[in-house]
Protein backbone atom coordinates (compact mmCIF):
# COMPACT_ATOMS: atom_id res chain seq x y z
CA MET A 1 -18.29 7.08 -1.54
CA LYS A 2 -18.94 9.23 1.49
CA ASN A 3 -18.27 7.70 4.93
CA PHE A 4 -17.01 4.44 3.46
CA ASN A 5 -13.68 3.82 5.14
CA ARG A 6 -12.12 0.48 5.95
CA LYS A 7 -8.95 -0.66 7.72
CA ASN A 8 -8.11 -3.33 5.13
CA THR A 9 -8.06 -1.54 1.79
CA LYS A 10 -5.98 -4.23 0.07
CA PHE A 11 -8.71 -6.91 0.20
CA SER A 12 -12.15 -5.66 -0.67
CA LEU A 13 -15.20 -6.47 1.38
CA CYS A 14 -16.57 -8.44 -1.60
CA GLY A 15 -13.43 -10.54 -2.19
CA LEU A 16 -11.31 -8.63 -4.71
CA ASN A 17 -7.57 -8.49 -4.15
CA CYS A 18 -7.21 -4.72 -4.49
CA ALA A 19 -3.47 -4.90 -3.72
CA LEU A 20 -3.05 -6.88 -6.97
CA CYS A 21 -4.91 -4.44 -9.19
CA VAL A 22 -3.22 -2.25 -11.78
CA MET A 23 -5.32 0.71 -10.58
CA TYR A 24 -4.19 0.21 -6.98
CA ILE A 25 -0.48 -0.23 -7.72
CA GLY A 26 -0.63 2.73 -10.09
CA GLU A 27 -2.12 4.78 -7.23
CA TYR A 28 -5.26 5.60 -9.22
CA CYS A 29 -7.47 3.85 -6.65
CA PRO A 30 -7.07 3.82 -2.86
CA GLY A 31 -8.51 0.31 -2.55
CA CYS A 32 -11.84 -0.71 -1.09
CA GLY A 33 -12.84 1.87 1.49
CA GLY A 34 -9.55 3.72 1.17
CA GLY A 35 -10.95 7.18 0.77
CA GLU A 36 -13.64 9.48 -0.49
CA GLY A 37 -12.50 8.92 -4.09
CA ASN A 38 -14.03 5.43 -4.31
CA GLN A 39 -16.75 4.86 -6.84
CA ALA A 40 -20.30 4.24 -5.68
CA CYS A 41 -20.72 0.53 -5.01
CA ARG A 42 -23.95 -1.22 -4.05
CA ILE A 43 -22.02 -3.80 -2.02
CA ALA A 44 -20.20 -1.06 -0.11
CA ARG A 45 -23.51 0.69 0.54
CA CYS A 46 -24.91 -2.59 1.89
CA SER A 47 -21.81 -3.03 4.08
CA LEU A 48 -22.37 0.41 5.59
CA ASP A 49 -26.02 -0.43 6.32
CA LYS A 50 -25.14 -3.77 7.94
CA SER A 51 -21.86 -2.70 9.58
CA VAL A 52 -19.79 -5.64 8.29
CA GLU A 53 -16.11 -5.48 7.36
CA PHE A 54 -16.37 -8.38 4.86
CA CYS A 55 -19.44 -9.77 3.14
CA TYR A 56 -18.75 -13.30 4.38
CA LEU A 57 -19.51 -12.00 7.90
CA CYS A 58 -23.10 -11.19 6.87
CA ASN A 59 -25.78 -13.79 7.54
CA MET A 60 -27.23 -13.05 4.07
CA TYR A 61 -23.94 -13.91 2.25
CA PRO A 62 -23.91 -14.77 -0.59
CA CYS A 63 -26.85 -12.65 -1.60
CA GLU A 64 -28.27 -11.69 -5.00
CA LYS A 65 -25.55 -9.02 -5.36
CA TYR A 66 -23.17 -11.90 -6.10
CA ASP A 67 -25.20 -13.41 -8.93
CA GLY A 68 -22.82 -13.63 -11.90
CA ILE A 69 -20.18 -11.50 -10.16
CA GLU A 70 -17.28 -13.68 -11.35
CA ARG A 71 -18.38 -13.76 -14.99
CA TYR A 72 -16.68 -10.56 -16.13
CA ASP A 73 -13.61 -8.63 -15.03
CA SER A 74 -12.90 -4.94 -14.63
CA PHE A 75 -9.36 -3.63 -14.05
CA ILE A 76 -8.90 -6.61 -11.79
CA THR A 77 -10.03 -10.18 -12.27
CA HIS A 78 -13.24 -11.17 -10.54
CA ARG A 79 -12.71 -14.82 -11.47
CA ASN A 80 -11.69 -16.05 -7.99
CA GLN A 81 -13.65 -13.49 -6.00
CA MET A 82 -15.86 -16.00 -4.19
CA LYS A 83 -13.00 -18.50 -3.72
CA ASP A 84 -10.77 -15.79 -2.27
CA MET A 85 -13.56 -14.71 0.07
CA GLU A 86 -13.87 -18.33 1.24
CA LYS A 87 -10.09 -18.57 1.71
CA ALA A 88 -10.15 -15.42 3.84
CA ARG A 89 -13.02 -16.81 5.91
CA ILE A 90 -11.28 -20.16 6.50
CA MET A 91 -7.73 -18.84 6.99
CA GLY A 92 -8.78 -15.77 8.93
CA ILE A 93 -8.25 -12.31 7.58
CA ALA A 94 -4.82 -11.91 9.24
CA ASN A 95 -3.43 -15.03 7.52
CA TYR A 96 -5.11 -14.18 4.24
CA SER A 97 -3.58 -10.70 4.42
CA LEU A 98 -0.11 -12.24 4.90
CA MET A 99 -0.61 -14.38 1.79
CA LEU A 100 -1.85 -11.34 -0.11
CA GLU A 101 1.23 -9.43 1.05
CA GLN A 102 3.45 -12.17 -0.46
CA LYS A 103 1.58 -11.90 -3.74
CA GLU A 104 1.88 -8.11 -3.64
CA LYS A 105 5.67 -8.43 -3.20
CA MET A 106 5.77 -10.84 -6.14
CA LEU A 107 3.83 -8.35 -8.27
CA ARG A 108 6.18 -5.51 -7.32
CA TYR A 109 9.19 -7.71 -8.16
CA LEU A 110 7.76 -8.54 -11.58
CA SER A 111 6.86 -4.91 -12.27
CA GLN A 112 10.27 -3.62 -11.27
CA ASN A 113 12.29 -6.25 -13.12
CA TYR A 114 10.23 -7.44 -16.08
CA ASP A 115 7.82 -4.71 -17.14
CA GLU A 116 8.77 -3.23 -20.48
CA GLY A 117 5.89 -0.78 -20.16
CA ARG A 118 3.13 -3.10 -21.35
CA SER A 119 3.09 -6.03 -18.92
CA LYS A 120 1.79 -4.67 -15.61
CA SER A 121 -1.84 -5.70 -16.24
CA PHE A 122 -0.73 -9.19 -17.27
CA TYR A 123 1.35 -9.58 -14.11
CA CYS A 124 -1.58 -8.40 -11.97
CA LEU A 125 -3.77 -11.06 -13.54
CA ALA A 126 -1.15 -13.81 -13.21
CA VAL A 127 -0.42 -13.05 -9.56
CA ASN A 128 -4.14 -12.96 -8.80
CA LEU A 129 -4.95 -16.30 -10.44
CA MET A 130 -1.81 -18.39 -10.04
CA ASP A 131 -0.43 -20.11 -6.98
CA ILE A 132 2.55 -18.21 -5.62
CA GLU A 133 4.74 -21.33 -5.48
CA ASP A 134 4.02 -22.05 -9.16
CA MET A 135 5.00 -18.47 -10.01
CA LYS A 136 8.21 -18.70 -7.99
CA GLN A 137 9.11 -21.87 -9.88
CA VAL A 138 8.52 -20.20 -13.26
CA ILE A 139 10.64 -17.20 -12.26
CA GLU A 140 13.43 -19.41 -10.91
CA ASN A 141 13.48 -21.48 -14.12
CA PHE A 142 13.45 -18.31 -16.21
CA GLU A 143 16.21 -16.54 -14.28
CA ASN A 144 18.38 -19.67 -14.43
CA SER A 145 17.97 -20.10 -18.19
CA GLN A 146 21.21 -19.90 -20.15
CA ASP A 147 20.31 -16.85 -22.29
CA PHE A 148 18.81 -14.82 -19.43
CA ASP A 149 21.70 -12.35 -19.06
CA ILE A 150 21.83 -11.34 -22.73
CA LEU A 151 18.11 -10.65 -23.19
CA SER A 152 16.65 -7.15 -23.29
CA VAL A 153 13.88 -6.22 -20.85
CA LYS A 154 11.38 -6.48 -23.71
CA GLN A 155 12.59 -9.98 -24.58
CA LYS A 156 12.57 -11.00 -20.92
CA ALA A 157 9.00 -9.73 -20.48
CA TYR A 158 7.83 -11.62 -23.55
CA MET A 159 9.52 -14.88 -22.56
CA LEU A 160 8.41 -14.69 -18.93
CA LYS A 161 4.81 -14.00 -19.92
CA GLU A 162 4.87 -17.01 -22.26
CA MET A 163 6.22 -19.19 -19.45
CA PHE A 164 3.48 -17.94 -17.10
CA LYS A 165 0.82 -18.61 -19.74
CA LYS A 166 2.02 -22.19 -20.18
CA ALA A 167 2.27 -22.88 -16.44
CA ALA A 168 -1.20 -21.39 -15.91
CA TYR A 169 -2.68 -23.30 -18.84
CA ASP A 170 -1.25 -26.55 -17.41
CA LYS A 171 -3.32 -25.81 -14.27
CA GLY A 172 -6.45 -24.95 -16.28
CA ILE A 173 -6.04 -21.17 -15.92
CA ILE A 174 -6.34 -18.78 -18.86
CA LEU A 175 -4.42 -15.54 -18.28
CA LYS A 176 -6.77 -13.14 -20.01
CA LEU A 177 -9.33 -10.76 -18.51
CA ASN A 178 -12.96 -11.73 -19.18
CA LYS A 179 -14.55 -8.64 -20.72
CA LYS A 180 -18.16 -8.17 -21.72
CA ASP A 181 -18.69 -8.29 -25.48
């Protein structure tokens, strides 16, 4: 979108964690406000009109543009969009960005070590929805398992994803994108 440029392209103005999106890490998308290649977005257009960096800074937030916004996902999960926006507001954007940076490092670690070519989207979803300490615990348990060294990358990816699914499920999280029917 023309003239839509932001400093923080890793956390969108509407609460998406762009840095944890398969499109962003694959360099298909520059992130929210990261360049002229961004798709037209009614929330971005509103941000330009009101000159706000994040929607939570607007006195109209949350407005009708947020009705049902968390119901369905795109390339990235929208499920915690409003919660993440609230976290950023409470923590401050600098602290939220540090937490997001930790999650981004976790995602890169998973992609580099446990992606057999089909797991990147799953890891993006897991890192977005799960607590980083829970994920670290799953990875530590997995890497310390007795058969770890003899498994192929494909076997490791499968087993790790199953462990993430169970840990997430135990916390009431389903690791599957919500698509429209």
